[in-house]
N, C-alpha and C. Protein backbone atom coordinates (compact mmCIF):
# COMPACT_ATOMS: atom_id res chain seq x y z
N MET A 1 -11.78 -10.79 17.61
CA MET A 1 -12.86 -11.63 17.15
C MET A 1 -12.59 -11.97 15.69
N GLU A 2 -12.82 -13.23 15.33
CA GLU A 2 -12.64 -13.67 13.96
C GLU A 2 -13.96 -14.21 13.42
N LEU A 3 -14.31 -13.76 12.23
CA LEU A 3 -15.54 -14.16 11.57
C LEU A 3 -15.23 -14.58 10.14
N LEU A 4 -16.17 -15.25 9.51
CA LEU A 4 -16.04 -15.64 8.10
C LEU A 4 -16.88 -14.72 7.24
N ILE A 5 -16.36 -14.43 6.06
CA ILE A 5 -17.05 -13.56 5.11
C ILE A 5 -16.80 -14.12 3.71
N ILE A 6 -17.74 -13.93 2.82
CA ILE A 6 -17.62 -14.47 1.46
C ILE A 6 -17.46 -13.31 0.46
N LYS A 7 -16.53 -13.50 -0.47
CA LYS A 7 -16.29 -12.50 -1.50
C LYS A 7 -16.53 -13.09 -2.88
N SER A 8 -16.92 -12.22 -3.80
CA SER A 8 -16.99 -12.54 -5.22
C SER A 8 -16.17 -11.48 -5.93
N GLY A 9 -14.96 -11.85 -6.30
CA GLY A 9 -14.05 -10.85 -6.86
C GLY A 9 -13.71 -9.82 -5.79
N LYS A 10 -13.95 -8.55 -6.10
CA LYS A 10 -13.67 -7.47 -5.15
C LYS A 10 -14.86 -7.14 -4.26
N ASP A 11 -16.01 -7.73 -4.56
CA ASP A 11 -17.24 -7.45 -3.82
C ASP A 11 -17.47 -8.48 -2.71
N TYR A 12 -18.26 -8.08 -1.74
CA TYR A 12 -18.65 -8.97 -0.65
C TYR A 12 -20.08 -9.46 -0.90
N ILE A 13 -20.43 -10.56 -0.24
CA ILE A 13 -21.74 -11.17 -0.45
C ILE A 13 -22.63 -10.95 0.77
N ARG A 14 -23.87 -10.59 0.48
CA ARG A 14 -24.89 -10.50 1.51
C ARG A 14 -25.97 -11.52 1.15
N PHE A 15 -26.35 -12.32 2.15
CA PHE A 15 -27.41 -13.30 1.98
C PHE A 15 -28.64 -12.76 2.69
N LYS A 16 -29.70 -12.49 1.91
CA LYS A 16 -30.91 -11.91 2.48
C LYS A 16 -32.12 -12.41 1.70
N ASP A 17 -33.13 -12.86 2.43
CA ASP A 17 -34.38 -13.33 1.81
C ASP A 17 -34.13 -14.37 0.72
N ASN A 18 -33.22 -15.31 1.00
CA ASN A 18 -32.87 -16.38 0.07
C ASN A 18 -32.28 -15.88 -1.25
N ASN A 19 -31.69 -14.70 -1.23
CA ASN A 19 -31.02 -14.13 -2.40
C ASN A 19 -29.60 -13.74 -2.03
N TYR A 20 -28.75 -13.67 -3.03
CA TYR A 20 -27.37 -13.23 -2.84
C TYR A 20 -27.19 -11.88 -3.52
N LEU A 21 -26.59 -10.95 -2.80
CA LEU A 21 -26.33 -9.61 -3.32
C LEU A 21 -24.85 -9.31 -3.19
N THR A 22 -24.29 -8.58 -4.15
CA THR A 22 -22.93 -8.09 -4.00
C THR A 22 -23.02 -6.71 -3.35
N VAL A 23 -22.21 -6.53 -2.29
CA VAL A 23 -22.29 -5.31 -1.48
C VAL A 23 -20.89 -4.88 -1.05
N GLN A 24 -20.83 -3.73 -0.40
CA GLN A 24 -19.59 -3.29 0.23
C GLN A 24 -19.45 -4.00 1.58
N LEU A 25 -18.26 -3.94 2.14
CA LEU A 25 -17.95 -4.66 3.37
C LEU A 25 -18.95 -4.42 4.49
N HIS A 26 -19.36 -3.19 4.70
CA HIS A 26 -20.22 -2.88 5.85
C HIS A 26 -21.63 -3.47 5.73
N LYS A 27 -22.00 -3.99 4.57
CA LYS A 27 -23.32 -4.60 4.37
C LYS A 27 -23.25 -6.12 4.23
N ALA A 28 -22.05 -6.69 4.24
CA ALA A 28 -21.87 -8.11 3.98
C ALA A 28 -22.36 -8.99 5.13
N SER A 29 -22.77 -10.19 4.79
CA SER A 29 -23.12 -11.19 5.80
C SER A 29 -21.84 -11.76 6.39
N VAL A 30 -21.82 -11.93 7.70
CA VAL A 30 -20.68 -12.53 8.39
C VAL A 30 -21.17 -13.73 9.19
N PHE A 31 -20.27 -14.68 9.40
CA PHE A 31 -20.61 -15.93 10.06
C PHE A 31 -19.54 -16.29 11.08
N PRO A 32 -19.92 -16.88 12.21
CA PRO A 32 -18.92 -17.38 13.15
C PRO A 32 -18.24 -18.62 12.57
N PHE A 33 -17.06 -18.94 13.08
CA PHE A 33 -16.29 -20.06 12.55
C PHE A 33 -17.01 -21.39 12.69
N ASP A 34 -17.88 -21.55 13.67
CA ASP A 34 -18.57 -22.82 13.82
C ASP A 34 -19.68 -23.02 12.79
N HIS A 35 -19.85 -22.05 11.88
CA HIS A 35 -20.81 -22.17 10.78
C HIS A 35 -20.09 -22.39 9.44
N MET A 36 -18.87 -22.93 9.51
CA MET A 36 -18.07 -23.14 8.29
C MET A 36 -18.82 -24.00 7.26
N ASP A 37 -19.57 -25.01 7.72
CA ASP A 37 -20.30 -25.86 6.78
C ASP A 37 -21.37 -25.07 6.03
N ILE A 38 -22.04 -24.14 6.70
CA ILE A 38 -23.05 -23.28 6.06
C ILE A 38 -22.38 -22.36 5.04
N VAL A 39 -21.22 -21.83 5.39
CA VAL A 39 -20.50 -20.94 4.48
C VAL A 39 -20.10 -21.69 3.21
N HIS A 40 -19.66 -22.94 3.34
CA HIS A 40 -19.31 -23.73 2.15
C HIS A 40 -20.55 -24.04 1.31
N GLN A 41 -21.70 -24.22 1.95
CA GLN A 41 -22.95 -24.42 1.20
C GLN A 41 -23.29 -23.16 0.40
N HIS A 42 -23.15 -21.99 1.03
CA HIS A 42 -23.39 -20.73 0.33
C HIS A 42 -22.43 -20.59 -0.85
N LYS A 43 -21.17 -20.94 -0.63
CA LYS A 43 -20.17 -20.84 -1.71
C LYS A 43 -20.58 -21.69 -2.90
N ALA A 44 -21.03 -22.91 -2.64
CA ALA A 44 -21.45 -23.80 -3.73
C ALA A 44 -22.66 -23.23 -4.47
N ARG A 45 -23.62 -22.67 -3.75
CA ARG A 45 -24.81 -22.08 -4.38
C ARG A 45 -24.44 -20.85 -5.21
N LEU A 46 -23.51 -20.06 -4.70
CA LEU A 46 -23.07 -18.88 -5.45
C LEU A 46 -22.46 -19.29 -6.79
N LYS A 47 -21.65 -20.34 -6.80
CA LYS A 47 -21.06 -20.83 -8.05
C LYS A 47 -22.14 -21.30 -9.01
N GLU A 48 -23.16 -22.00 -8.48
CA GLU A 48 -24.27 -22.47 -9.30
C GLU A 48 -25.03 -21.31 -9.94
N LYS A 49 -25.10 -20.18 -9.22
CA LYS A 49 -25.84 -19.01 -9.70
C LYS A 49 -24.99 -18.12 -10.61
N GLY A 50 -23.74 -18.51 -10.87
CA GLY A 50 -22.92 -17.77 -11.82
C GLY A 50 -22.00 -16.72 -11.24
N PHE A 51 -21.91 -16.64 -9.92
CA PHE A 51 -20.95 -15.71 -9.33
C PHE A 51 -19.55 -16.23 -9.61
N ILE A 52 -18.60 -15.31 -9.76
CA ILE A 52 -17.24 -15.70 -10.11
C ILE A 52 -16.26 -15.36 -8.99
N LYS A 53 -15.13 -16.03 -9.03
CA LYS A 53 -14.03 -15.80 -8.08
C LYS A 53 -14.54 -15.80 -6.63
N ILE A 54 -15.29 -16.82 -6.25
CA ILE A 54 -15.83 -16.92 -4.91
C ILE A 54 -14.73 -17.34 -3.95
N SER A 55 -14.59 -16.63 -2.85
CA SER A 55 -13.60 -16.99 -1.84
C SER A 55 -14.17 -16.73 -0.44
N ILE A 56 -13.68 -17.52 0.48
CA ILE A 56 -14.04 -17.37 1.89
C ILE A 56 -12.86 -16.70 2.57
N LYS A 57 -13.13 -15.65 3.32
CA LYS A 57 -12.08 -14.90 4.00
C LYS A 57 -12.34 -14.87 5.49
N LYS A 58 -11.26 -14.71 6.24
CA LYS A 58 -11.35 -14.52 7.68
C LYS A 58 -11.36 -13.01 7.94
N LEU A 59 -12.39 -12.54 8.60
CA LEU A 59 -12.50 -11.13 8.96
C LEU A 59 -12.08 -11.01 10.42
N ILE A 60 -11.04 -10.21 10.70
CA ILE A 60 -10.52 -10.07 12.05
C ILE A 60 -10.91 -8.69 12.57
N LEU A 61 -11.68 -8.68 13.66
CA LEU A 61 -12.12 -7.43 14.28
C LEU A 61 -11.34 -7.20 15.56
N THR A 62 -10.91 -5.97 15.76
CA THR A 62 -10.27 -5.61 17.01
C THR A 62 -10.98 -4.39 17.60
N GLU A 63 -10.94 -4.30 18.89
CA GLU A 63 -11.58 -3.18 19.58
C GLU A 63 -10.50 -2.40 20.30
N LYS A 64 -10.49 -1.08 20.09
CA LYS A 64 -9.50 -0.21 20.74
C LYS A 64 -10.19 1.04 21.25
N ASP A 65 -9.72 1.52 22.37
CA ASP A 65 -10.23 2.78 22.89
C ASP A 65 -9.77 3.94 22.02
N LEU A 66 -10.64 4.92 21.89
CA LEU A 66 -10.26 6.13 21.14
C LEU A 66 -9.80 7.20 22.09
C-alpha cells in the first residue's frame, strides 16, 4: 500500500481541528494518492504558516506474517 505523508524538516505533519502539528511518524496524517490535490493545498498552507522544508513523501506499507 502506498500513501502520501507531509514532512517539515525531520518532523511529520498532523492535520487536526484545522491546525497543523509537528509529530512523529506514528501520529502523522496520511492520505491516499487520489487526494494529491488536497496534499498540495496543505503544503501551500504550511508554507504560509511559516513551516520550513515542506516535502511530500510516499509512505510504502507492507504486510508480512510474523
